[in-house]
N, C-alpha and C. Protein backbone atom coordinates (compact mmCIF):
# COMPACT_ATOMS: atom_id res chain seq x y z
N UNK A 1 163.84 153.46 227.61
CA UNK A 1 164.84 154.21 228.07
C UNK A 1 166.02 153.39 228.02
N UNK A 2 167.25 153.58 227.48
CA UNK A 2 168.41 153.00 227.65
C UNK A 2 169.63 153.63 228.27
N UNK A 3 170.30 152.98 228.99
CA UNK A 3 171.41 153.55 229.68
C UNK A 3 172.81 152.97 229.18
N UNK A 4 173.91 153.69 228.73
CA UNK A 4 175.00 153.36 228.13
C UNK A 4 176.07 153.94 229.02
N UNK A 5 176.91 153.32 229.69
CA UNK A 5 178.02 153.87 230.35
C UNK A 5 179.06 154.45 229.44
N UNK A 6 179.12 153.98 228.30
CA UNK A 6 180.18 154.60 227.43
C UNK A 6 179.57 154.78 226.14
N UNK A 7 180.02 155.73 225.35
CA UNK A 7 179.55 156.07 224.04
C UNK A 7 180.21 155.07 222.92
N UNK A 8 179.94 153.88 223.18
CA UNK A 8 180.35 152.81 222.22
C UNK A 8 179.44 152.83 220.96
N UNK A 9 180.13 152.86 219.72
CA UNK A 9 179.53 153.10 218.43
C UNK A 9 178.39 151.81 218.31
N UNK A 10 178.98 150.34 218.33
CA UNK A 10 178.16 149.39 218.03
C UNK A 10 176.89 149.35 219.16
N UNK A 11 177.18 149.45 220.48
CA UNK A 11 176.21 149.38 221.46
C UNK A 11 175.06 150.50 221.22
N UNK A 12 175.54 151.73 220.79
CA UNK A 12 174.62 152.86 220.58
C UNK A 12 173.68 152.61 219.26
N UNK A 13 174.45 151.87 218.16
CA UNK A 13 173.59 151.46 217.15
C UNK A 13 172.68 150.56 217.24
N UNK A 14 172.71 149.58 218.24
CA UNK A 14 172.02 148.61 218.68
C UNK A 14 170.67 149.14 219.32
N UNK A 15 170.99 150.19 220.31
CA UNK A 15 169.88 151.04 220.97
C UNK A 15 169.17 151.71 219.99
N UNK A 16 169.82 152.23 219.04
CA UNK A 16 168.96 153.09 217.89
C UNK A 16 167.98 152.23 217.23
N UNK A 17 168.45 151.15 216.89
CA UNK A 17 167.45 150.13 216.04
C UNK A 17 166.33 149.45 217.17
N UNK A 18 166.70 148.97 218.21
CA UNK A 18 165.60 148.74 219.07
C UNK A 18 164.65 149.70 219.38
N UNK A 19 164.88 151.00 219.68
CA UNK A 19 163.97 151.83 219.95
C UNK A 19 163.39 152.37 218.83
N UNK A 20 163.92 152.37 217.83
CA UNK A 20 163.24 152.45 216.37
C UNK A 20 162.23 151.39 215.94
N UNK A 21 162.41 150.05 216.44
CA UNK A 21 161.62 149.14 216.14
C UNK A 21 160.35 149.24 217.21
N UNK A 22 160.59 149.91 218.32
CA UNK A 22 159.34 150.09 219.41
C UNK A 22 158.72 151.28 219.28
N UNK A 23 158.45 152.16 220.47
CA UNK A 23 157.87 153.25 220.38
C UNK A 23 158.78 154.20 220.66
N UNK A 24 159.98 154.07 220.36
CA UNK A 24 161.02 155.37 220.65
C UNK A 24 161.46 155.26 221.95
N UNK A 25 162.04 156.39 222.25
CA UNK A 25 162.76 156.35 223.67
C UNK A 25 163.80 157.37 223.59
N UNK A 26 164.65 157.20 224.79
CA UNK A 26 165.82 157.85 225.05
C UNK A 26 167.02 157.07 225.60
N UNK A 27 167.94 157.35 224.91
CA UNK A 27 169.41 156.91 225.33
C UNK A 27 170.21 157.93 226.22
N UNK A 28 170.52 157.36 227.53
CA UNK A 28 171.26 158.14 228.23
C UNK A 28 172.79 157.68 228.27
N UNK A 29 173.67 158.66 227.88
CA UNK A 29 175.16 158.09 227.74
C UNK A 29 175.80 158.54 229.06
N UNK A 30 176.74 157.82 229.67
CA UNK A 30 177.37 158.40 230.89
C UNK A 30 176.94 157.91 232.16
N UNK A 31 175.85 157.01 232.12
CA UNK A 31 174.96 156.64 233.20
C UNK A 31 175.04 155.09 233.35
N UNK A 32 174.97 154.24 234.46
CA UNK A 32 174.81 153.04 234.30
C UNK A 32 173.27 152.76 234.49
N UNK A 33 172.97 151.51 234.56
CA UNK A 33 171.48 151.05 234.60
C UNK A 33 171.24 151.56 235.96
N UNK A 34 171.82 151.55 237.10
CA UNK A 34 171.59 152.23 238.37
C UNK A 34 171.42 153.73 238.41
N UNK A 35 171.75 154.21 237.20
CA UNK A 35 171.57 155.60 237.20
C UNK A 35 172.89 156.41 237.87
N UNK A 36 173.81 155.82 238.09
CA UNK A 36 175.00 156.41 238.52
C UNK A 36 175.97 156.67 237.28
N UNK A 37 176.75 157.73 237.58
CA UNK A 37 177.95 158.08 236.66
C UNK A 37 178.75 157.20 236.59
N UNK A 38 178.99 156.84 235.18
CA UNK A 38 180.39 155.86 234.91
C UNK A 38 181.69 156.52 234.78
N UNK A 39 181.49 157.61 233.84
CA UNK A 39 182.69 158.75 233.61
C UNK A 39 182.03 159.81 232.75
N UNK A 40 182.99 160.70 232.41
CA UNK A 40 182.47 161.81 231.87
C UNK A 40 182.59 161.45 230.47
N UNK A 41 181.57 162.00 229.55
CA UNK A 41 181.61 161.70 228.34
C UNK A 41 181.40 163.05 227.57
N UNK A 42 182.20 163.54 226.95
CA UNK A 42 182.16 164.93 226.29
C UNK A 42 181.09 165.12 225.28
N UNK A 43 180.57 166.37 224.96
CA UNK A 43 179.56 166.38 223.88
C UNK A 43 180.27 166.02 222.55
N UNK A 44 181.35 166.22 222.43
CA UNK A 44 181.75 165.87 220.89
C UNK A 44 182.12 164.49 220.80
N UNK A 45 182.45 163.65 221.84
CA UNK A 45 182.29 162.35 221.90
C UNK A 45 180.87 161.64 221.74
N UNK A 46 180.04 161.95 222.18
CA UNK A 46 178.65 161.64 222.06
C UNK A 46 178.17 161.82 220.95
N UNK A 47 178.40 163.15 220.08
CA UNK A 47 177.81 163.61 218.91
C UNK A 47 178.50 162.53 217.88
N UNK A 48 179.85 162.53 218.11
CA UNK A 48 180.57 161.80 216.89
C UNK A 48 180.09 160.21 216.94
N UNK A 49 179.78 159.61 218.07
CA UNK A 49 179.40 158.26 218.39
C UNK A 49 178.17 158.09 217.88
N UNK A 50 177.17 159.28 217.92
CA UNK A 50 175.96 159.11 217.65
C UNK A 50 175.81 159.06 215.96
N UNK A 51 176.40 159.94 215.22
CA UNK A 51 176.67 160.14 213.74
C UNK A 51 177.26 158.64 213.37
N UNK A 52 178.40 158.24 213.85
CA UNK A 52 178.83 156.98 213.36
C UNK A 52 177.81 155.65 213.47
N UNK A 53 177.19 155.62 214.65
CA UNK A 53 176.29 154.62 214.84
C UNK A 53 174.94 154.97 214.01
N UNK A 54 174.65 156.04 213.54
CA UNK A 54 173.67 156.15 212.64
C UNK A 54 174.08 155.63 211.23
N UNK A 55 174.99 155.77 210.88
CA UNK A 55 175.69 155.18 209.83
C UNK A 55 175.61 153.92 209.50
N UNK A 56 175.86 153.03 210.87
CA UNK A 56 175.52 151.55 210.73
C UNK A 56 174.35 150.94 210.58
N UNK A 57 173.02 151.80 210.60
CA UNK A 57 171.88 151.51 210.73
C UNK A 57 171.37 151.24 209.30
N UNK A 58 170.67 150.42 208.89
CA UNK A 58 169.98 150.00 207.91
C UNK A 58 168.71 149.33 207.98
N UNK A 59 167.55 150.09 207.54
CA UNK A 59 167.51 151.43 207.00
C UNK A 59 167.87 152.56 208.05
N UNK A 60 167.98 153.77 207.68
CA UNK A 60 168.49 154.76 208.24
C UNK A 60 167.18 155.06 209.62
N UNK A 61 167.99 155.42 210.64
CA UNK A 61 167.15 155.61 211.79
C UNK A 61 167.14 157.29 212.29
N UNK A 62 165.98 157.95 212.17
CA UNK A 62 166.15 159.20 212.38
C UNK A 62 166.32 159.56 213.98
N UNK A 63 167.42 160.72 214.13
CA UNK A 63 167.87 160.84 215.48
C UNK A 63 167.35 162.44 215.73
N UNK A 64 167.49 162.78 217.01
CA UNK A 64 167.18 164.28 217.23
C UNK A 64 168.45 164.59 218.03
């Protein structure tokens, strides 16, 4: 499981690759590692960041 306080594209891409190289996992946006809310991330912002992050991954990483 990875916690990202913000929907930063490069950090999200790094998490996608790391989880794909392992056993998979879950990325939680908007919470810090202590499980506390960092700030509001809107669904559109998260979706856009995920799509952009996936474009950076070579080979492609499947996401759900």
